[in-house]
Amino acid sequence: MKNFKFRIYENNYNVRILSHEENIIDLEVNGTSYSVKLKEEIKATKTPTLVRSASKRPEPLKVNSNTSNAKVVAPIPGTVLSIDVKVGDVIKIGDRLLVLEAMKMENNIASEKSGTVTAVHIKVGQQVLQNELMIELT
C-alpha cells in the first residue's frame, strides 16, 4: 500500500503498510512483519447530506378582469388537469376555477371576480396556448 522512511535516534526504519482493516494494520518494518491493533478505531469520514428546506406552496395564478363579462384566458401554455366549475356555478373572488399543468408544475387558476360561469370552452386533458379563452363569467 504505502511506504514510509523514518529516522529515530540515528536509526533508519523502512515501513511498508500491507493492509488496513478497521483498527488492525498489517505492516512490515525493515523486512519484519507486524500486526498492529490501534487503540481507537479510525472513524471514516461521512459524506455530507444535502438538506433542503420545505418548499413553499405556490400561490394560485389569478385572472384579472375589470369588465362585467370576464373572460378567463390561459396565462401560460399547458394542459388542463382539472376543471372545478361548470356552467351556472356561482363563484367568489379567489375560488379555484381549474388546474393547469405547465412545465411539470401544477398551477391553480383562481378568479379575481365574483360572478356566474356562463361558458366553459375547455375539457380535461386539453392542451391550451397562452391567451386561449378557457372560461367566461358574468
Protein backbone atom coordinates (compact mmCIF):
# COMPACT_ATOMS: atom_id res chain seq x y z
CA MET A 1 0.00 0.00 0.00
CA LYS A 2 2.26 2.78 1.28
CA ASN A 3 5.97 3.04 2.06
CA PHE A 4 7.49 5.32 4.69
CA LYS A 5 11.05 6.08 5.83
CA PHE A 6 11.71 7.11 9.44
CA ARG A 7 14.89 8.14 11.22
CA ILE A 8 14.68 7.74 15.01
CA TYR A 9 17.80 8.31 17.19
CA GLU A 10 20.11 7.87 14.20
CA ASN A 11 18.40 4.57 13.22
CA ASN A 12 16.70 4.24 9.82
CA TYR A 13 13.40 2.38 9.50
CA ASN A 14 11.67 1.42 6.25
CA VAL A 15 7.97 0.87 6.98
CA ARG A 16 5.55 -0.59 4.47
CA ILE A 17 1.83 -0.78 5.27
CA LEU A 18 0.46 -4.03 3.83
CA SER A 19 -3.22 -3.82 4.80
CA HIS A 20 -5.59 -1.79 6.92
CA GLU A 21 -8.97 -3.18 8.02
CA GLU A 22 -10.98 -1.44 10.72
CA ASN A 23 -8.49 -0.90 13.59
CA ILE A 24 -5.93 -3.63 12.61
CA ILE A 25 -2.93 -2.67 10.46
CA ASP A 26 -0.51 -5.23 8.98
CA LEU A 27 2.87 -3.66 8.31
CA GLU A 28 6.49 -4.54 7.64
CA VAL A 29 9.39 -2.73 9.36
CA ASN A 30 12.84 -3.34 7.82
CA GLY A 31 11.57 -6.70 6.43
CA THR A 32 9.91 -7.92 9.66
CA SER A 33 6.08 -8.30 9.61
CA TYR A 34 3.92 -6.91 12.42
CA SER A 35 0.20 -6.80 13.09
CA VAL A 36 -0.74 -3.66 15.00
CA LYS A 37 -4.05 -3.07 16.73
CA LEU A 38 -4.92 0.59 17.11
CA LYS A 39 -6.17 1.77 20.47
CA GLU A 40 -9.10 3.63 18.91
CA GLU A 41 -10.97 2.78 15.76
CA ILE A 42 -10.35 5.22 12.91
CA LYS A 43 -13.58 6.95 12.07
CA ALA A 44 -14.44 7.07 8.40
CA THR A 45 -15.49 10.46 7.13
CA LYS A 46 -19.14 10.70 6.29
CA THR A 47 -20.46 12.08 3.06
CA PRO A 48 -22.40 15.26 3.81
CA THR A 49 -26.15 15.07 3.34
CA LEU A 50 -27.92 17.83 1.44
CA VAL A 51 -30.83 19.14 3.49
CA ARG A 52 -33.39 21.28 1.72
CA SER A 53 -35.98 23.44 3.34
CA ALA A 54 -39.60 22.56 2.74
CA SER A 55 -40.90 24.01 -0.49
CA LYS A 56 -43.44 26.75 -0.21
CA ARG A 57 -46.84 26.09 -1.72
CA PRO A 58 -47.18 28.28 -4.82
CA GLU A 59 -49.90 30.88 -4.80
CA PRO A 60 -52.67 30.41 -7.35
CA LEU A 61 -52.45 32.37 -10.59
CA LYS A 62 -55.19 34.96 -10.63
CA VAL A 63 -57.27 36.06 -13.56
CA ASN A 64 -57.52 39.81 -13.96
CA SER A 65 -60.91 41.03 -15.05
CA ASN A 66 -62.29 44.54 -14.83
CA THR A 67 -65.32 44.23 -17.14
CA SER A 68 -68.79 42.89 -16.33
CA ASN A 69 -68.25 39.94 -18.68
CA ALA A 70 -64.97 38.34 -17.64
CA LYS A 71 -63.02 36.02 -19.89
CA VAL A 72 -60.58 33.64 -18.25
CA VAL A 73 -57.64 33.03 -20.59
CA ALA A 74 -54.63 30.76 -20.17
CA PRO A 75 -51.79 32.76 -18.57
CA ILE A 76 -49.27 30.21 -19.89
CA PRO A 77 -49.41 27.31 -22.36
CA GLY A 78 -50.15 23.96 -20.74
CA THR A 79 -52.51 21.03 -20.21
CA VAL A 80 -55.80 21.23 -18.32
CA LEU A 81 -55.60 18.77 -15.39
CA SER A 82 -58.96 19.51 -13.76
CA ILE A 83 -61.91 21.87 -14.09
CA ASP A 84 -63.50 22.84 -10.77
CA VAL A 85 -66.51 24.75 -12.12
CA LYS A 86 -69.39 24.14 -14.56
CA VAL A 87 -71.86 26.38 -16.37
CA GLY A 88 -74.22 28.02 -13.88
CA ASP A 89 -71.86 27.84 -10.87
CA VAL A 90 -71.66 30.99 -8.76
CA ILE A 91 -68.07 31.78 -7.81
CA LYS A 92 -66.42 34.20 -5.41
CA ILE A 93 -63.11 36.04 -5.61
CA GLY A 94 -60.24 33.59 -5.06
CA ASP A 95 -62.21 30.43 -5.95
CA ARG A 96 -60.16 27.92 -7.92
CA LEU A 97 -61.51 27.55 -11.44
CA LEU A 98 -59.14 24.94 -12.84
CA VAL A 99 -55.68 23.40 -12.59
CA LEU A 100 -53.29 23.95 -15.49
CA GLU A 101 -50.09 21.91 -15.81
CA ALA A 102 -47.21 23.79 -17.38
CA MET A 103 -43.54 22.79 -17.36
CA LYS A 104 -44.27 19.86 -14.99
CA MET A 105 -45.86 22.18 -12.42
CA GLU A 106 -49.50 22.37 -11.40
CA ASN A 107 -50.87 25.93 -11.48
CA ASN A 108 -54.14 26.75 -9.72
CA ILE A 109 -56.12 29.29 -11.76
CA ALA A 110 -58.29 31.40 -9.42
CA SER A 111 -60.85 34.09 -10.13
CA GLU A 112 -60.36 37.73 -9.25
CA LYS A 113 -64.04 38.44 -9.82
CA SER A 114 -67.28 37.12 -8.33
CA GLY A 115 -69.90 36.01 -10.80
CA THR A 116 -71.63 33.17 -12.59
CA VAL A 117 -69.94 30.80 -15.04
CA THR A 118 -71.62 31.26 -18.45
CA ALA A 119 -69.33 29.08 -20.62
CA VAL A 120 -66.53 26.52 -20.26
CA HIS A 121 -64.52 26.23 -23.51
CA ILE A 122 -62.05 23.56 -22.38
CA LYS A 123 -62.05 19.96 -21.23
CA VAL A 124 -59.73 17.91 -19.01
CA GLY A 125 -56.61 16.78 -20.87
CA GLN A 126 -56.84 19.54 -23.47
CA GLN A 127 -53.70 21.47 -24.44
CA VAL A 128 -54.14 25.25 -24.34
CA LEU A 129 -51.98 28.05 -25.69
CA GLN A 130 -51.18 31.28 -23.89
CA ASN A 131 -54.14 33.74 -24.00
CA GLU A 132 -56.54 31.00 -25.19
CA LEU A 133 -60.11 31.52 -23.90
CA MET A 134 -60.98 28.91 -21.26
CA ILE A 135 -63.94 30.14 -19.15
CA GLU A 136 -66.44 33.03 -19.37
CA LEU A 137 -68.09 34.73 -16.37
CA THR A 138 -70.80 37.34 -15.93
